Amino acid sequence: MMWGPSGSFGWGGMIFGGIFMILFWVAAIALTVWVVRLIIRHDQPRHEAGGQSPLDIAKARYARGEITKEQFEQLKRDLM
């Protein structure tokens, strides 16, 4: 076995190899956490109407005359 510049990396190779292995695992775990957070965030319901509940939206639509009283009552029954 040859030691030195022509045969192996010696102690420097072992140290840098260990550092790169740690960096690899840190990057792999960080990537996994990032992907899981994206999936969780995607699955959560979004309130696109400024945080209003569906019933509040139905009330506002009824007040503006966009839906009839019968439609509003049906929506209210469906949402409750």
C-alpha atoms as a PDB file:
ATOM      1  CA  MET A   1       0.000   0.000   0.000  1.00  0.00           C
ATOM      2  CA  MET A   2       1.338   3.400  -0.886  1.00  0.00           C
ATOM      3  CA  TRP A   3       0.883   6.370   1.387  1.00  0.00           C
ATOM      4  CA  GLY A   4       1.251   9.929   0.291  1.00  0.00           C
ATOM      5  CA  PRO A   5       0.235  12.017  -2.703  1.00  0.00           C
ATOM      6  CA  SER A   6       0.378   9.181  -5.202  1.00  0.00           C
ATOM      7  CA  GLY A   7      -1.473   6.494  -3.245  1.00  0.00           C
ATOM      8  CA  SER A   8      -4.334   7.963  -1.217  1.00  0.00           C
ATOM      9  CA  PHE A   9      -5.705  11.085   0.311  1.00  0.00           C
ATOM     10  CA  GLY A  10      -4.400  10.292   3.791  1.00  0.00           C
ATOM     11  CA  TRP A  11      -5.856  12.035   6.839  1.00  0.00           C
ATOM     12  CA  GLY A  12      -7.020  14.993   4.798  1.00  0.00           C
ATOM     13  CA  GLY A  13      -9.229  12.751   2.688  1.00  0.00           C
ATOM     14  CA  MET A  14     -10.776  11.166   5.744  1.00  0.00           C
ATOM     15  CA  ILE A  15     -11.488  14.552   7.336  1.00  0.00           C
ATOM     16  CA  PHE A  16     -12.943  16.102   4.196  1.00  0.00           C
ATOM     17  CA  GLY A  17     -14.829  12.913   3.397  1.00  0.00           C
ATOM     18  CA  GLY A  18     -16.452  13.054   6.836  1.00  0.00           C
ATOM     19  CA  ILE A  19     -17.323  16.728   6.422  1.00  0.00           C
ATOM     20  CA  PHE A  20     -18.846  16.096   2.997  1.00  0.00           C
ATOM     21  CA  MET A  21     -20.813  13.142   4.360  1.00  0.00           C
ATOM     22  CA  ILE A  22     -22.245  15.334   7.140  1.00  0.00           C
ATOM     23  CA  LEU A  23     -23.081  18.091   4.628  1.00  0.00           C
ATOM     24  CA  PHE A  24     -24.758  15.530   2.371  1.00  0.00           C
ATOM     25  CA  TRP A  25     -26.998  14.241   5.157  1.00  0.00           C
ATOM     26  CA  VAL A  26     -27.840  17.741   6.378  1.00  0.00           C
ATOM     27  CA  ALA A  27     -28.840  18.711   2.819  1.00  0.00           C
ATOM     28  CA  ALA A  28     -30.870  15.508   2.381  1.00  0.00           C
ATOM     29  CA  ILE A  29     -32.758  16.061   5.650  1.00  0.00           C
ATOM     30  CA  ALA A  30     -33.351  19.753   4.856  1.00  0.00           C
ATOM     31  CA  LEU A  31     -34.719  18.836   1.426  1.00  0.00           C
ATOM     32  CA  THR A  32     -37.024  16.227   2.960  1.00  0.00           C
ATOM     33  CA  VAL A  33     -38.344  18.690   5.563  1.00  0.00           C
ATOM     34  CA  TRP A  34     -38.927  21.301   2.844  1.00  0.00           C
ATOM     35  CA  VAL A  35     -40.873  18.849   0.659  1.00  0.00           C
ATOM     36  CA  VAL A  36     -43.004  17.648   3.598  1.00  0.00           C
ATOM     37  CA  ARG A  37     -43.840  21.240   4.550  1.00  0.00           C
ATOM     38  CA  LEU A  38     -44.877  21.988   0.966  1.00  0.00           C
ATOM     39  CA  ILE A  39     -47.153  18.944   0.949  1.00  0.00           C
ATOM     40  CA  ILE A  40     -48.720  19.865   4.290  1.00  0.00           C
ATOM     41  CA  ARG A  41     -49.219  23.480   3.237  1.00  0.00           C
ATOM     42  CA  HIS A  42     -50.807  22.334  -0.038  1.00  0.00           C
ATOM     43  CA  ASP A  43     -53.278  20.049   1.773  1.00  0.00           C
ATOM     44  CA  GLN A  44     -54.550  22.740   4.155  1.00  0.00           C
ATOM     45  CA  PRO A  45     -57.793  24.459   3.195  1.00  0.00           C
ATOM     46  CA  ARG A  46     -57.333  27.969   1.910  1.00  0.00           C
ATOM     47  CA  HIS A  47     -59.570  30.880   2.773  1.00  0.00           C
ATOM     48  CA  GLU A  48     -59.436  32.824  -0.446  1.00  0.00           C
ATOM     49  CA  ALA A  49     -62.185  35.230   0.529  1.00  0.00           C
ATOM     50  CA  GLY A  50     -60.184  37.115   3.124  1.00  0.00           C
ATOM     51  CA  GLY A  51     -60.716  34.673   5.971  1.00  0.00           C
ATOM     52  CA  GLN A  52     -64.519  34.694   5.778  1.00  0.00           C
ATOM     53  CA  SER A  53     -66.447  31.553   6.575  1.00  0.00           C
ATOM     54  CA  PRO A  54     -68.622  29.993   3.863  1.00  0.00           C
ATOM     55  CA  LEU A  55     -71.730  31.113   5.767  1.00  0.00           C
ATOM     56  CA  ASP A  56     -70.474  34.714   5.833  1.00  0.00           C
ATOM     57  CA  ILE A  57     -69.931  34.541   2.078  1.00  0.00           C
ATOM     58  CA  ALA A  58     -73.475  33.200   1.569  1.00  0.00           C
ATOM     59  CA  LYS A  59     -74.878  36.002   3.746  1.00  0.00           C
ATOM     60  CA  ALA A  60     -73.000  38.603   1.732  1.00  0.00           C
ATOM     61  CA  ARG A  61     -74.208  37.117  -1.559  1.00  0.00           C
ATOM     62  CA  TYR A  62     -77.795  37.127  -0.275  1.00  0.00           C
ATOM     63  CA  ALA A  63     -77.447  40.721   0.900  1.00  0.00           C
ATOM     64  CA  ARG A  64     -76.157  41.762  -2.549  1.00  0.00           C
ATOM     65  CA  GLY A  65     -79.068  39.981  -4.226  1.00  0.00           C
ATOM     66  CA  GLU A  66     -76.893  37.417  -6.004  1.00  0.00           C
ATOM     67  CA  ILE A  67     -78.904  34.497  -4.618  1.00  0.00           C
ATOM     68  CA  THR A  68     -82.543  34.093  -3.655  1.00  0.00           C
ATOM     69  CA  LYS A  69     -83.859  33.456  -0.162  1.00  0.00           C
ATOM     70  CA  GLU A  70     -84.492  29.813  -1.038  1.00  0.00           C
ATOM     71  CA  GLN A  71     -80.929  29.397  -2.305  1.00  0.00           C
ATOM     72  CA  PHE A  72     -79.589  31.082   0.834  1.00  0.00           C
ATOM     73  CA  GLU A  73     -81.652  28.825   3.105  1.00  0.00           C
ATOM     74  CA  GLN A  74     -80.439  25.755   1.190  1.00  0.00           C
ATOM     75  CA  LEU A  75     -76.807  26.894   1.494  1.00  0.00           C
ATOM     76  CA  LYS A  76     -77.305  27.526   5.205  1.00  0.00           C
ATOM     77  CA  ARG A  77     -78.739  24.020   5.706  1.00  0.00           C
ATOM     78  CA  ASP A  78     -75.899  22.492   3.694  1.00  0.00           C
ATOM     79  CA  LEU A  79     -73.222  24.360   5.657  1.00  0.00           C
ATOM     80  CA  MET A  80     -74.631  23.663   9.115  1.00  0.00           C
END
